[in-house]
Amino acid sequence: MRPRPRLLDLYSGAGGAAVGYHRAGFDVVGVDIKRQPRYPFEHHVADALEFLAAHGHEYDAVHASPPCQAYSISTLPNRLTGKQYPDLVAATRTGLVAAGRPWVIENVPGAPVRPDFKLCGCMFGLPRLKRERLFETSWRGFDLRAPCHHPEPVISVCGHDVPSHARKFGGPVSLALRKLAMGIDWMGRDELGLAIPPAYTEFIGEQLLAHLATEAPA
């Protein structure tokens, strides 16, 4: 049996992306600047870019989710008053290219990320979840999917809670319901607000595996 390919998960958070990649067929190793006690796989506390420079070439592929606050609509009021957030997409892309392995960058709409894939909860049967995310890939992946469609009041999970505009139209949403919508049952409130639904990266992971198969020696 061929060994599972190894994927490096940068800016890992508590492992939403990691679980999706694991389901797709990868062994995953996470890296985050903060300790992540709920991360379900091997994990290192380190600067993501420094770890990538030192070890990125040791993995079959790399996923990176740089902090989104510099681009997110949820932080716009703070940014308009002058608050600054880390802007790491360009530096991360440079590091990924230098590592020489296939890679994926994930971020929110508005981030400087090429939308090779644009995914939302409604595309995966996640109940009421409106959570659009962009994925840029080293192989310029593409998949034609149905447009985003939300006929029911949506659940929009971001930051520490459901945002006020979403509560206005969808009513109060319990943490349990937010976990159900995200397909995540092992995280707390703050971790959940920053997570990627595993369904997204399970799909991306399948595309990545197909790409790795084209690179494998005959």
N, C-alpha and C. Protein backbone atom coordinates (compact mmCIF):
# COMPACT_ATOMS: atom_id res chain seq x y z
N MET A 1 0.84 -1.19 0.00
CA MET A 1 0.00 0.00 0.00
C MET A 1 0.88 1.25 0.00
N ARG A 2 0.58 2.20 -0.87
CA ARG A 2 1.35 3.42 -0.94
C ARG A 2 1.10 4.27 0.29
N PRO A 3 2.14 4.91 0.86
CA PRO A 3 1.92 5.76 2.03
C PRO A 3 1.08 6.98 1.67
N ARG A 4 0.36 7.47 2.66
CA ARG A 4 -0.42 8.68 2.45
C ARG A 4 0.53 9.86 2.26
N PRO A 5 0.26 10.76 1.31
CA PRO A 5 1.11 11.94 1.17
C PRO A 5 1.01 12.83 2.40
N ARG A 6 2.09 13.56 2.68
CA ARG A 6 2.15 14.42 3.86
C ARG A 6 1.87 15.87 3.44
N LEU A 7 1.00 16.51 4.19
CA LEU A 7 0.62 17.89 3.91
C LEU A 7 0.95 18.76 5.12
N LEU A 8 1.60 19.88 4.87
CA LEU A 8 1.91 20.86 5.90
C LEU A 8 0.80 21.90 5.95
N ASP A 9 0.22 22.10 7.11
CA ASP A 9 -0.94 22.98 7.32
C ASP A 9 -0.47 24.22 8.09
N LEU A 10 -0.23 25.33 7.37
CA LEU A 10 0.30 26.55 7.97
C LEU A 10 -0.82 27.47 8.45
N TYR A 11 -0.56 28.20 9.54
CA TYR A 11 -1.58 29.02 10.19
C TYR A 11 -2.78 28.13 10.52
N SER A 12 -2.54 27.06 11.20
CA SER A 12 -3.46 25.93 11.26
C SER A 12 -4.74 26.18 12.03
N GLY A 13 -4.70 27.09 13.04
CA GLY A 13 -5.85 27.17 13.93
C GLY A 13 -6.08 25.82 14.58
N ALA A 14 -7.33 25.53 14.89
CA ALA A 14 -7.67 24.30 15.62
C ALA A 14 -7.94 23.11 14.71
N GLY A 15 -7.73 23.25 13.38
CA GLY A 15 -7.72 22.06 12.54
C GLY A 15 -8.91 21.83 11.64
N GLY A 16 -9.71 22.85 11.34
CA GLY A 16 -10.81 22.64 10.41
C GLY A 16 -10.31 22.21 9.04
N ALA A 17 -9.33 22.94 8.50
CA ALA A 17 -8.76 22.57 7.21
C ALA A 17 -8.08 21.22 7.28
N ALA A 18 -7.38 20.97 8.37
CA ALA A 18 -6.62 19.73 8.51
C ALA A 18 -7.51 18.50 8.43
N VAL A 19 -8.66 18.53 9.08
CA VAL A 19 -9.56 17.38 9.07
C VAL A 19 -10.06 17.10 7.66
N GLY A 20 -10.35 18.14 6.90
CA GLY A 20 -10.77 17.93 5.52
C GLY A 20 -9.70 17.27 4.68
N TYR A 21 -8.47 17.75 4.80
CA TYR A 21 -7.37 17.14 4.05
C TYR A 21 -7.12 15.70 4.49
N HIS A 22 -7.26 15.44 5.78
CA HIS A 22 -7.09 14.07 6.27
C HIS A 22 -8.16 13.15 5.67
N ARG A 23 -9.38 13.63 5.63
CA ARG A 23 -10.46 12.83 5.03
C ARG A 23 -10.18 12.56 3.55
N ALA A 24 -9.55 13.53 2.87
CA ALA A 24 -9.25 13.36 1.45
C ALA A 24 -8.15 12.34 1.21
N GLY A 25 -7.29 12.10 2.24
CA GLY A 25 -6.25 11.10 2.07
C GLY A 25 -4.85 11.52 2.45
N PHE A 26 -4.70 12.66 3.17
CA PHE A 26 -3.38 13.15 3.56
C PHE A 26 -3.09 12.87 5.03
N ASP A 27 -1.81 12.70 5.35
CA ASP A 27 -1.35 12.84 6.72
C ASP A 27 -0.96 14.30 6.91
N VAL A 28 -1.48 14.92 7.95
CA VAL A 28 -1.38 16.38 8.09
C VAL A 28 -0.56 16.74 9.31
N VAL A 29 0.30 17.74 9.15
CA VAL A 29 1.09 18.31 10.24
C VAL A 29 0.79 19.80 10.30
N GLY A 30 0.37 20.29 11.46
CA GLY A 30 -0.03 21.68 11.60
C GLY A 30 1.04 22.56 12.22
N VAL A 31 1.00 23.84 11.87
CA VAL A 31 1.89 24.85 12.44
C VAL A 31 1.09 26.11 12.72
N ASP A 32 1.24 26.64 13.93
CA ASP A 32 0.57 27.89 14.28
C ASP A 32 1.43 28.61 15.31
N ILE A 33 1.36 29.93 15.32
CA ILE A 33 2.14 30.71 16.28
C ILE A 33 1.63 30.53 17.70
N LYS A 34 0.38 30.07 17.83
CA LYS A 34 -0.22 29.82 19.13
C LYS A 34 -0.42 28.32 19.34
N ARG A 35 -0.33 27.90 20.58
CA ARG A 35 -0.62 26.51 20.92
C ARG A 35 -2.08 26.20 20.59
N GLN A 36 -2.32 25.05 19.99
CA GLN A 36 -3.67 24.65 19.58
C GLN A 36 -4.00 23.30 20.22
N PRO A 37 -4.47 23.30 21.46
CA PRO A 37 -4.67 22.03 22.18
C PRO A 37 -5.72 21.12 21.55
N ARG A 38 -6.61 21.67 20.74
CA ARG A 38 -7.65 20.83 20.12
C ARG A 38 -7.28 20.36 18.72
N TYR A 39 -6.11 20.76 18.24
CA TYR A 39 -5.70 20.31 16.90
C TYR A 39 -5.59 18.79 16.90
N PRO A 40 -6.21 18.11 15.94
CA PRO A 40 -6.33 16.64 16.04
C PRO A 40 -5.14 15.84 15.53
N PHE A 41 -4.09 16.50 15.02
CA PHE A 41 -2.96 15.78 14.46
C PHE A 41 -1.65 16.35 15.03
N GLU A 42 -0.52 15.89 14.52
CA GLU A 42 0.77 16.44 14.95
C GLU A 42 0.78 17.95 14.75
N HIS A 43 1.31 18.66 15.76
CA HIS A 43 1.25 20.12 15.70
C HIS A 43 2.52 20.73 16.26
N HIS A 44 2.97 21.84 15.63
CA HIS A 44 4.16 22.57 16.07
C HIS A 44 3.79 24.03 16.32
N VAL A 45 4.25 24.57 17.43
CA VAL A 45 4.09 26.00 17.72
C VAL A 45 5.31 26.71 17.15
N ALA A 46 5.10 27.49 16.11
CA ALA A 46 6.22 28.14 15.42
C ALA A 46 5.67 29.23 14.51
N ASP A 47 6.55 30.11 14.07
CA ASP A 47 6.20 31.08 13.04
C ASP A 47 6.02 30.33 11.72
N ALA A 48 4.87 30.53 11.07
CA ALA A 48 4.55 29.75 9.88
C ALA A 48 5.56 29.96 8.76
N LEU A 49 5.97 31.20 8.52
CA LEU A 49 6.89 31.46 7.41
C LEU A 49 8.28 30.90 7.70
N GLU A 50 8.72 30.98 8.94
CA GLU A 50 10.01 30.41 9.30
C GLU A 50 9.99 28.88 9.17
N PHE A 51 8.91 28.25 9.61
CA PHE A 51 8.79 26.79 9.51
C PHE A 51 8.73 26.38 8.04
N LEU A 52 8.01 27.15 7.23
CA LEU A 52 7.92 26.86 5.81
C LEU A 52 9.30 26.91 5.16
N ALA A 53 10.08 27.94 5.48
CA ALA A 53 11.41 28.08 4.87
C ALA A 53 12.33 26.93 5.27
N ALA A 54 12.18 26.47 6.50
CA ALA A 54 13.07 25.41 6.99
C ALA A 54 12.62 24.01 6.58
N HIS A 55 11.31 23.80 6.48
CA HIS A 55 10.81 22.42 6.35
C HIS A 55 9.81 22.22 5.20
N GLY A 56 9.40 23.26 4.50
CA GLY A 56 8.37 23.10 3.49
C GLY A 56 8.70 22.07 2.43
N HIS A 57 9.97 21.99 2.05
CA HIS A 57 10.39 21.06 0.99
C HIS A 57 10.29 19.60 1.42
N GLU A 58 10.10 19.36 2.72
CA GLU A 58 10.03 17.99 3.23
C GLU A 58 8.64 17.36 3.05
N TYR A 59 7.67 18.15 2.64
CA TYR A 59 6.28 17.68 2.53
C TYR A 59 5.89 17.51 1.07
N ASP A 60 4.84 16.74 0.85
CA ASP A 60 4.34 16.54 -0.52
C ASP A 60 3.54 17.74 -1.01
N ALA A 61 2.93 18.48 -0.08
CA ALA A 61 2.13 19.64 -0.44
C ALA A 61 1.97 20.52 0.80
N VAL A 62 1.58 21.77 0.57
CA VAL A 62 1.43 22.73 1.66
C VAL A 62 0.11 23.49 1.49
N HIS A 63 -0.63 23.61 2.59
CA HIS A 63 -1.80 24.48 2.66
C HIS A 63 -1.48 25.64 3.60
N ALA A 64 -1.93 26.85 3.24
CA ALA A 64 -1.70 28.01 4.09
C ALA A 64 -2.96 28.86 4.17
N SER A 65 -3.32 29.25 5.38
CA SER A 65 -4.45 30.14 5.63
C SER A 65 -3.95 31.36 6.41
N PRO A 66 -3.29 32.31 5.73
CA PRO A 66 -2.79 33.49 6.44
C PRO A 66 -3.93 34.23 7.14
N PRO A 67 -3.63 34.99 8.20
CA PRO A 67 -4.69 35.73 8.90
C PRO A 67 -5.52 36.55 7.93
N CYS A 68 -6.83 36.53 8.15
CA CYS A 68 -7.76 37.17 7.20
C CYS A 68 -8.20 38.56 7.63
N GLN A 69 -7.84 39.01 8.83
CA GLN A 69 -8.41 40.24 9.37
C GLN A 69 -8.08 41.47 8.54
N ALA A 70 -6.98 41.44 7.79
CA ALA A 70 -6.61 42.59 6.97
C ALA A 70 -7.55 42.77 5.78
N TYR A 71 -8.38 41.76 5.49
CA TYR A 71 -9.24 41.79 4.30
C TYR A 71 -10.71 41.56 4.61
N SER A 72 -11.03 41.06 5.80
CA SER A 72 -12.39 40.60 6.10
C SER A 72 -13.36 41.77 6.25
N ILE A 73 -14.58 41.56 5.78
CA ILE A 73 -15.61 42.58 5.95
C ILE A 73 -15.94 42.80 7.43
N SER A 74 -15.73 41.78 8.25
CA SER A 74 -16.07 41.91 9.66
C SER A 74 -15.14 42.87 10.40
N THR A 75 -13.94 43.10 9.87
CA THR A 75 -13.01 44.04 10.51
C THR A 75 -12.99 45.40 9.83
N LEU A 76 -13.83 45.59 8.82
CA LEU A 76 -13.81 46.85 8.08
C LEU A 76 -14.02 48.07 8.97
N PRO A 77 -14.97 48.07 9.92
CA PRO A 77 -15.11 49.26 10.78
C PRO A 77 -13.82 49.60 11.51
N ASN A 78 -13.11 48.61 12.00
CA ASN A 78 -11.85 48.86 12.69
C ASN A 78 -10.79 49.39 11.73
N ARG A 79 -10.74 48.85 10.52
CA ARG A 79 -9.73 49.29 9.56
C ARG A 79 -10.00 50.72 9.11
N LEU A 80 -11.27 51.10 9.02
CA LEU A 80 -11.61 52.47 8.63
C LEU A 80 -11.19 53.48 9.68
N THR A 81 -11.04 53.05 10.91
CA THR A 81 -10.58 53.95 11.97
C THR A 81 -9.07 53.86 12.18
N GLY A 82 -8.38 53.14 11.29
CA GLY A 82 -6.93 53.13 11.32
C GLY A 82 -6.27 51.90 11.91
N LYS A 83 -7.05 50.96 12.41
CA LYS A 83 -6.45 49.76 12.97
C LYS A 83 -5.83 48.92 11.86
N GLN A 84 -4.63 48.41 12.10
CA GLN A 84 -3.94 47.61 11.11
C GLN A 84 -3.82 46.16 11.56
N TYR A 85 -3.89 45.26 10.58
CA TYR A 85 -3.79 43.83 10.84
C TYR A 85 -2.68 43.24 9.97
N PRO A 86 -2.14 42.09 10.36
CA PRO A 86 -1.09 41.46 9.54
C PRO A 86 -1.58 41.18 8.12
N ASP A 87 -0.74 41.53 7.15
CA ASP A 87 -1.04 41.32 5.73
C ASP A 87 0.03 40.37 5.20
N LEU A 88 -0.26 39.07 5.22
CA LEU A 88 0.78 38.06 5.01
C LEU A 88 0.58 37.22 3.75
N VAL A 89 -0.42 37.52 2.94
CA VAL A 89 -0.67 36.67 1.78
C VAL A 89 0.51 36.68 0.82
N ALA A 90 1.02 37.86 0.47
CA ALA A 90 2.11 37.95 -0.51
C ALA A 90 3.36 37.24 0.01
N ALA A 91 3.71 37.47 1.27
CA ALA A 91 4.90 36.82 1.83
C ALA A 91 4.72 35.30 1.89
N THR A 92 3.51 34.87 2.18
CA THR A 92 3.24 33.43 2.22
C THR A 92 3.37 32.82 0.83
N ARG A 93 2.83 33.49 -0.16
CA ARG A 93 2.92 32.97 -1.53
C ARG A 93 4.39 32.86 -1.96
N THR A 94 5.18 33.87 -1.64
CA THR A 94 6.60 33.83 -1.97
C THR A 94 7.30 32.64 -1.31
N GLY A 95 6.97 32.39 -0.06
CA GLY A 95 7.56 31.26 0.65
C GLY A 95 7.13 29.93 0.08
N LEU A 96 5.87 29.83 -0.33
CA LEU A 96 5.37 28.59 -0.91
C LEU A 96 6.05 28.29 -2.24
N VAL A 97 6.20 29.30 -3.06
CA VAL A 97 6.87 29.11 -4.35
C VAL A 97 8.32 28.66 -4.11
N ALA A 98 8.98 29.28 -3.13
CA ALA A 98 10.37 28.93 -2.85
C ALA A 98 10.50 27.49 -2.35
N ALA A 99 9.50 26.99 -1.63
CA ALA A 99 9.55 25.62 -1.12
C ALA A 99 9.49 24.59 -2.23
N GLY A 100 8.89 24.94 -3.36
CA GLY A 100 8.91 24.07 -4.52
C GLY A 100 7.95 22.90 -4.48
N ARG A 101 6.95 22.95 -3.61
CA ARG A 101 5.97 21.89 -3.54
C ARG A 101 4.60 22.44 -3.95
N PRO A 102 3.67 21.60 -4.43
CA PRO A 102 2.33 22.08 -4.72
C PRO A 102 1.70 22.72 -3.48
N TRP A 103 0.95 23.79 -3.70
CA TRP A 103 0.43 24.54 -2.55
C TRP A 103 -0.97 25.08 -2.80
N VAL A 104 -1.59 25.44 -1.67
CA VAL A 104 -2.92 26.05 -1.66
C VAL A 104 -2.88 27.22 -0.67
N ILE A 105 -3.40 28.37 -1.07
CA ILE A 105 -3.62 29.48 -0.15
C ILE A 105 -5.12 29.70 -0.03
N GLU A 106 -5.62 29.79 1.19
CA GLU A 106 -7.04 30.04 1.45
C GLU A 106 -7.22 31.38 2.13
N ASN A 107 -8.28 32.10 1.74
CA ASN A 107 -8.60 33.33 2.45
C ASN A 107 -10.02 33.78 2.11
N VAL A 108 -10.39 34.93 2.65
CA VAL A 108 -11.75 35.45 2.52
C VAL A 108 -11.89 36.27 1.24
N PRO A 109 -13.13 36.46 0.75
CA PRO A 109 -13.33 37.41 -0.34
C PRO A 109 -12.78 38.78 0.04
N GLY A 110 -12.11 39.41 -0.92
CA GLY A 110 -11.45 40.68 -0.65
C GLY A 110 -9.96 40.55 -0.44
N ALA A 111 -9.49 39.34 -0.14
CA ALA A 111 -8.06 39.11 0.02
C ALA A 111 -7.39 39.05 -1.36
N PRO A 112 -6.09 39.36 -1.42
CA PRO A 112 -5.38 39.31 -2.70
C PRO A 112 -5.02 37.88 -3.08
N VAL A 113 -6.06 37.08 -3.31
CA VAL A 113 -5.93 35.66 -3.62
C VAL A 113 -6.66 35.39 -4.93
N ARG A 114 -6.01 34.72 -5.86
CA ARG A 114 -6.68 34.36 -7.12
C ARG A 114 -7.73 33.29 -6.84
N PRO A 115 -8.98 33.50 -7.22
CA PRO A 115 -10.05 32.55 -6.86
C PRO A 115 -10.12 31.36 -7.81
N ASP A 116 -9.11 30.49 -7.74
CA ASP A 116 -9.19 29.27 -8.55
C ASP A 116 -10.41 28.45 -8.16
N PHE A 117 -10.70 28.41 -6.85
CA PHE A 117 -11.91 27.79 -6.33
C PHE A 117 -12.57 28.79 -5.39
N LYS A 118 -13.87 28.97 -5.52
CA LYS A 118 -14.65 29.80 -4.61
C LYS A 118 -15.75 28.92 -4.03
N LEU A 119 -15.67 28.65 -2.73
CA LEU A 119 -16.54 27.66 -2.11
C LEU A 119 -17.40 28.29 -1.03
N CYS A 120 -18.58 27.71 -0.82
CA CYS A 120 -19.51 28.16 0.21
C CYS A 120 -20.23 26.94 0.78
N GLY A 121 -20.77 27.08 1.98
CA GLY A 121 -21.43 25.97 2.63
C GLY A 121 -22.57 25.38 1.85
N CYS A 122 -23.29 26.22 1.10
CA CYS A 122 -24.44 25.72 0.35
C CYS A 122 -24.04 24.72 -0.74
N MET A 123 -22.77 24.72 -1.12
CA MET A 123 -22.30 23.79 -2.15
C MET A 123 -22.04 22.39 -1.60
N PHE A 124 -22.06 22.26 -0.26
CA PHE A 124 -21.71 20.99 0.36
C PHE A 124 -22.80 20.47 1.29
N GLY A 125 -23.99 21.04 1.21
CA GLY A 125 -25.09 20.56 2.04
C GLY A 125 -24.93 20.91 3.51
N LEU A 126 -24.12 21.92 3.82
CA LEU A 126 -23.98 22.35 5.21
C LEU A 126 -25.16 23.25 5.56
N PRO A 127 -25.93 22.91 6.57
CA PRO A 127 -27.22 23.56 6.81
C PRO A 127 -27.10 25.06 7.05
N ARG A 128 -27.58 25.84 6.09
CA ARG A 128 -27.72 27.29 6.20
C ARG A 128 -26.40 28.06 6.24
N LEU A 129 -25.27 27.39 6.05
CA LEU A 129 -23.99 28.06 6.23
C LEU A 129 -23.64 28.93 5.03
N LYS A 130 -23.50 30.23 5.28
CA LYS A 130 -22.98 31.16 4.26
C LYS A 130 -21.57 31.55 4.69
N ARG A 131 -20.59 30.99 4.04
CA ARG A 131 -19.19 31.21 4.42
C ARG A 131 -18.34 31.03 3.16
N GLU A 132 -18.24 32.08 2.37
CA GLU A 132 -17.48 32.01 1.13
C GLU A 132 -15.98 32.10 1.43
N ARG A 133 -15.23 31.23 0.78
CA ARG A 133 -13.79 31.23 0.92
C ARG A 133 -13.14 31.01 -0.45
N LEU A 134 -12.01 31.69 -0.64
CA LEU A 134 -11.26 31.60 -1.89
C LEU A 134 -10.04 30.70 -1.71
N PHE A 135 -9.72 29.92 -2.74
CA PHE A 135 -8.57 29.03 -2.72
C PHE A 135 -7.75 29.27 -3.99
N GLU A 136 -6.52 29.71 -3.81
CA GLU A 136 -5.56 29.87 -4.90
C GLU A 136 -4.64 28.66 -4.88
N THR A 137 -4.36 28.07 -6.03
CA THR A 137 -3.55 26.86 -6.07
C THR A 137 -2.36 27.03 -7.01
N SER A 138 -1.29 26.32 -6.69
CA SER A 138 -0.09 26.41 -7.53
C SER A 138 -0.33 25.84 -8.91
N TRP A 139 -1.31 24.94 -9.05
CA TRP A 139 -1.58 24.31 -10.35
C TRP A 139 -2.75 24.97 -11.09
N ARG A 140 -3.19 26.12 -10.56
CA ARG A 140 -4.29 26.88 -11.17
C ARG A 140 -5.51 25.99 -11.41
N GLY A 141 -5.94 25.34 -10.34
CA GLY A 141 -7.09 24.44 -10.42
C GLY A 141 -8.36 25.15 -10.83
N PHE A 142 -9.32 24.37 -11.28
CA PHE A 142 -10.60 24.94 -11.72
C PHE A 142 -11.68 23.87 -11.59
N ASP A 143 -12.84 24.30 -11.12
CA ASP A 143 -14.00 23.41 -11.06
C ASP A 143 -15.25 24.26 -11.20
N LEU A 144 -16.10 23.93 -12.15
CA LEU A 144 -17.31 24.70 -12.41
C LEU A 144 -18.41 24.21 -11.47
N ARG A 145 -18.78 25.06 -10.51
CA ARG A 145 -19.79 24.69 -9.53
C ARG A 145 -20.99 25.63 -9.64
N ALA A 146 -22.13 25.18 -9.15
CA ALA A 146 -23.34 26.00 -9.19
C ALA A 146 -23.13 27.27 -8.37
N PRO A 147 -23.77 28.38 -8.75
CA PRO A 147 -23.63 29.60 -7.97
C PRO A 147 -24.13 29.42 -6.55
N CYS A 148 -23.62 30.25 -5.66
CA CYS A 148 -24.03 30.24 -4.27
C CYS A 148 -25.54 30.51 -4.18
N HIS A 149 -26.25 29.72 -3.34
CA HIS A 149 -27.71 29.84 -3.26
C HIS A 149 -28.16 29.56 -1.83
N HIS A 150 -28.86 30.54 -1.22
CA HIS A 150 -29.30 30.42 0.17
C HIS A 150 -30.77 30.83 0.29
N PRO A 151 -31.69 29.89 0.08
CA PRO A 151 -33.11 30.24 0.16
C PRO A 151 -33.60 30.44 1.58
N GLU A 152 -32.88 29.93 2.59
CA GLU A 152 -33.30 30.05 3.98
C GLU A 152 -32.44 31.08 4.71
N PRO A 153 -32.88 31.57 5.87
CA PRO A 153 -32.03 32.46 6.66
C PRO A 153 -30.68 31.79 6.91
N VAL A 154 -29.60 32.57 6.73
CA VAL A 154 -28.28 31.98 6.75
C VAL A 154 -27.65 32.05 8.14
N ILE A 155 -26.65 31.17 8.33
CA ILE A 155 -25.76 31.23 9.47
C ILE A 155 -24.40 31.68 8.95
N SER A 156 -23.91 32.80 9.46
CA SER A 156 -22.62 33.31 9.05
C SER A 156 -21.73 33.34 10.28
N VAL A 157 -20.74 32.47 10.33
CA VAL A 157 -19.89 32.32 11.50
C VAL A 157 -18.60 33.09 11.26
N CYS A 158 -18.31 34.08 12.09
CA CYS A 158 -17.06 34.81 11.95
C CYS A 158 -16.69 35.46 13.27
N GLY A 159 -15.39 35.71 13.45
CA GLY A 159 -14.93 36.33 14.68
C GLY A 159 -15.30 35.51 15.90
N HIS A 160 -15.78 36.19 16.92
CA HIS A 160 -16.13 35.52 18.17
C HIS A 160 -17.59 35.11 18.24
N ASP A 161 -18.39 35.51 17.25
CA ASP A 161 -19.83 35.26 17.34
C ASP A 161 -20.44 35.39 15.96
N VAL A 162 -21.74 35.20 15.86
CA VAL A 162 -22.47 35.52 14.64
C VAL A 162 -22.56 37.03 14.53
N PRO A 163 -22.18 37.63 13.38
CA PRO A 163 -22.19 39.08 13.28
C PRO A 163 -23.58 39.66 13.42
N SER A 164 -23.65 40.93 13.83
CA SER A 164 -24.94 41.57 14.13
C SER A 164 -25.86 41.60 12.92
N HIS A 165 -25.30 41.82 11.72
CA HIS A 165 -26.18 41.88 10.55
C HIS A 165 -26.81 40.53 10.26
N ALA A 166 -26.08 39.44 10.57
CA ALA A 166 -26.64 38.10 10.36
C ALA A 166 -27.69 37.79 11.41
N ARG A 167 -27.47 38.22 12.66
CA ARG A 167 -28.48 38.00 13.70
C ARG A 167 -29.77 38.74 13.38
N LYS A 168 -29.64 39.91 12.76
CA LYS A 168 -30.81 40.71 12.43
C LYS A 168 -31.74 39.97 11.49
N PHE A 169 -31.15 39.27 10.50
CA PHE A 169 -31.97 38.60 9.50
C PHE A 169 -32.22 37.13 9.80
N GLY A 170 -31.34 36.51 10.60
CA GLY A 170 -31.49 35.09 10.85
C GLY A 170 -31.86 34.74 12.27
N GLY A 171 -31.91 35.73 13.17
CA GLY A 171 -32.23 35.45 14.55
C GLY A 171 -31.03 34.91 15.30
N PRO A 172 -31.17 34.69 16.61
CA PRO A 172 -30.06 34.16 17.40
C PRO A 172 -29.70 32.74 16.96
N VAL A 173 -28.41 32.45 17.00
CA VAL A 173 -27.92 31.14 16.58
C VAL A 173 -27.03 30.59 17.68
N SER A 174 -27.36 29.42 18.18
CA SER A 174 -26.61 28.82 19.28
C SER A 174 -25.26 28.32 18.78
N LEU A 175 -24.34 28.14 19.72
CA LEU A 175 -23.04 27.57 19.38
C LEU A 175 -23.20 26.17 18.79
N ALA A 176 -24.12 25.40 19.34
CA ALA A 176 -24.34 24.05 18.83
C ALA A 176 -24.77 24.06 17.37
N LEU A 177 -25.63 25.01 17.01
CA LEU A 177 -26.09 25.10 15.63
C LEU A 177 -24.98 25.59 14.71
N ARG A 178 -24.13 26.49 15.21
CA ARG A 178 -23.00 26.94 14.41
C ARG A 178 -22.02 25.80 14.16
N LYS A 179 -21.80 24.97 15.17
CA LYS A 179 -20.94 23.81 14.98
C LYS A 179 -21.52 22.86 13.94
N LEU A 180 -22.82 22.63 14.00
CA LEU A 180 -23.48 21.76 13.04
C LEU A 180 -23.34 22.33 11.63
N ALA A 181 -23.55 23.63 11.49
CA ALA A 181 -23.46 24.26 10.18
C ALA A 181 -22.06 24.14 9.60
N MET A 182 -21.05 24.24 10.44
CA MET A 182 -19.66 24.17 9.98
C MET A 182 -19.17 22.74 9.78
N GLY A 183 -19.88 21.76 10.33
CA GLY A 183 -19.40 20.39 10.28
C GLY A 183 -18.21 20.17 11.19
N ILE A 184 -18.20 20.88 12.34
CA ILE A 184 -17.09 20.83 13.30
C ILE A 184 -17.67 20.65 14.69
N ASP A 185 -17.20 19.63 15.42
CA ASP A 185 -17.75 19.40 16.76
C ASP A 185 -16.70 19.45 17.87
N TRP A 186 -15.44 19.76 17.53
CA TRP A 186 -14.38 19.68 18.54
C TRP A 186 -13.84 21.06 18.96
N MET A 187 -14.38 22.14 18.44
CA MET A 187 -13.83 23.46 18.71
C MET A 187 -14.71 24.26 19.65
N GLY A 188 -14.10 25.25 20.30
CA GLY A 188 -14.84 26.23 21.07
C GLY A 188 -15.27 27.39 20.19
N ARG A 189 -15.93 28.37 20.81
CA ARG A 189 -16.51 29.49 20.05
C ARG A 189 -15.48 30.26 19.26
N ASP A 190 -14.39 30.68 19.89
CA ASP A 190 -13.41 31.52 19.21
C ASP A 190 -12.69 30.75 18.11
N GLU A 191 -12.35 29.49 18.37
CA GLU A 191 -11.70 28.67 17.35
C GLU A 191 -12.61 28.47 16.14
N LEU A 192 -13.89 28.25 16.40
CA LEU A 192 -14.85 28.02 15.32
C LEU A 192 -14.95 29.22 14.40
N GLY A 193 -14.89 30.43 14.99
CA GLY A 193 -15.03 31.64 14.19
C GLY A 193 -13.93 31.83 13.17
N LEU A 194 -12.80 31.17 13.38
CA LEU A 194 -11.66 31.31 12.46
C LEU A 194 -11.47 30.09 11.57
N ALA A 195 -12.32 29.10 11.70
CA ALA A 195 -12.07 27.81 11.06
C ALA A 195 -12.58 27.74 9.62
N ILE A 196 -12.04 26.77 8.89
CA ILE A 196 -12.51 26.40 7.56
C ILE A 196 -13.35 25.13 7.71
N PRO A 197 -14.54 25.07 7.17
CA PRO A 197 -15.29 23.82 7.22
C PRO A 197 -14.51 22.69 6.57
N PRO A 198 -14.38 21.55 7.22
CA PRO A 198 -13.63 20.43 6.63
C PRO A 198 -14.13 20.02 5.25
N ALA A 199 -15.41 20.21 4.98
CA ALA A 199 -15.93 19.84 3.66
C ALA A 199 -15.22 20.58 2.54
N TYR A 200 -14.81 21.83 2.80
CA TYR A 200 -14.13 22.61 1.77
C TYR A 200 -12.78 21.98 1.43
N THR A 201 -11.99 21.68 2.44
CA THR A 201 -10.64 21.17 2.16
C THR A 201 -10.64 19.69 1.81
N GLU A 202 -11.69 18.97 2.16
CA GLU A 202 -11.80 17.62 1.63
C GLU A 202 -11.94 17.68 0.11
N PHE A 203 -12.75 18.61 -0.36
CA PHE A 203 -12.90 18.80 -1.81
C PHE A 203 -11.59 19.28 -2.43
N ILE A 204 -10.96 20.31 -1.84
CA ILE A 204 -9.69 20.81 -2.37
C ILE A 204 -8.63 19.71 -2.32
N GLY A 205 -8.64 18.92 -1.24
CA GLY A 205 -7.67 17.84 -1.11
C GLY A 205 -7.81 16.81 -2.21
N GLU A 206 -9.01 16.53 -2.64
CA GLU A 206 -9.22 15.59 -3.74
C GLU A 206 -8.62 16.14 -5.03
N GLN A 207 -8.77 17.45 -5.25
CA GLN A 207 -8.16 18.06 -6.44
C GLN A 207 -6.63 18.02 -6.33
N LEU A 208 -6.12 18.26 -5.13
CA LEU A 208 -4.68 18.24 -4.90
C LEU A 208 -4.11 16.85 -5.11
N LEU A 209 -4.81 15.82 -4.63
CA LEU A 209 -4.35 14.45 -4.87
C LEU A 209 -4.29 14.13 -6.35
N ALA A 210 -5.29 14.58 -7.10
CA ALA A 210 -5.28 14.34 -8.54
C ALA A 210 -4.09 15.04 -9.19
N HIS A 211 -3.77 16.25 -8.71
CA HIS A 211 -2.62 16.96 -9.25
C HIS A 211 -1.32 16.24 -8.90
N LEU A 212 -1.20 15.76 -7.67
CA LEU A 212 0.01 15.04 -7.27
C LEU A 212 0.18 13.77 -8.11
N ALA A 213 -0.92 13.14 -8.47
CA ALA A 213 -0.84 11.93 -9.29
C ALA A 213 -0.25 12.22 -10.65
N THR A 214 -0.50 13.41 -11.19
CA THR A 214 0.08 13.77 -12.49
C THR A 214 1.56 14.04 -12.38
N GLU A 215 2.03 14.38 -11.16
CA GLU A 215 3.46 14.65 -10.97
C GLU A 215 4.25 13.39 -10.63
N ALA A 216 3.56 12.32 -10.21
CA ALA A 216 4.24 11.11 -9.76
C ALA A 216 4.97 10.44 -10.93
N PRO A 217 6.15 9.88 -10.68
CA PRO A 217 6.86 9.17 -11.75
C PRO A 217 6.09 7.94 -12.21
N ALA A 218 6.15 7.65 -13.47
CA ALA A 218 5.42 6.50 -14.02
C ALA A 218 6.02 5.20 -13.51
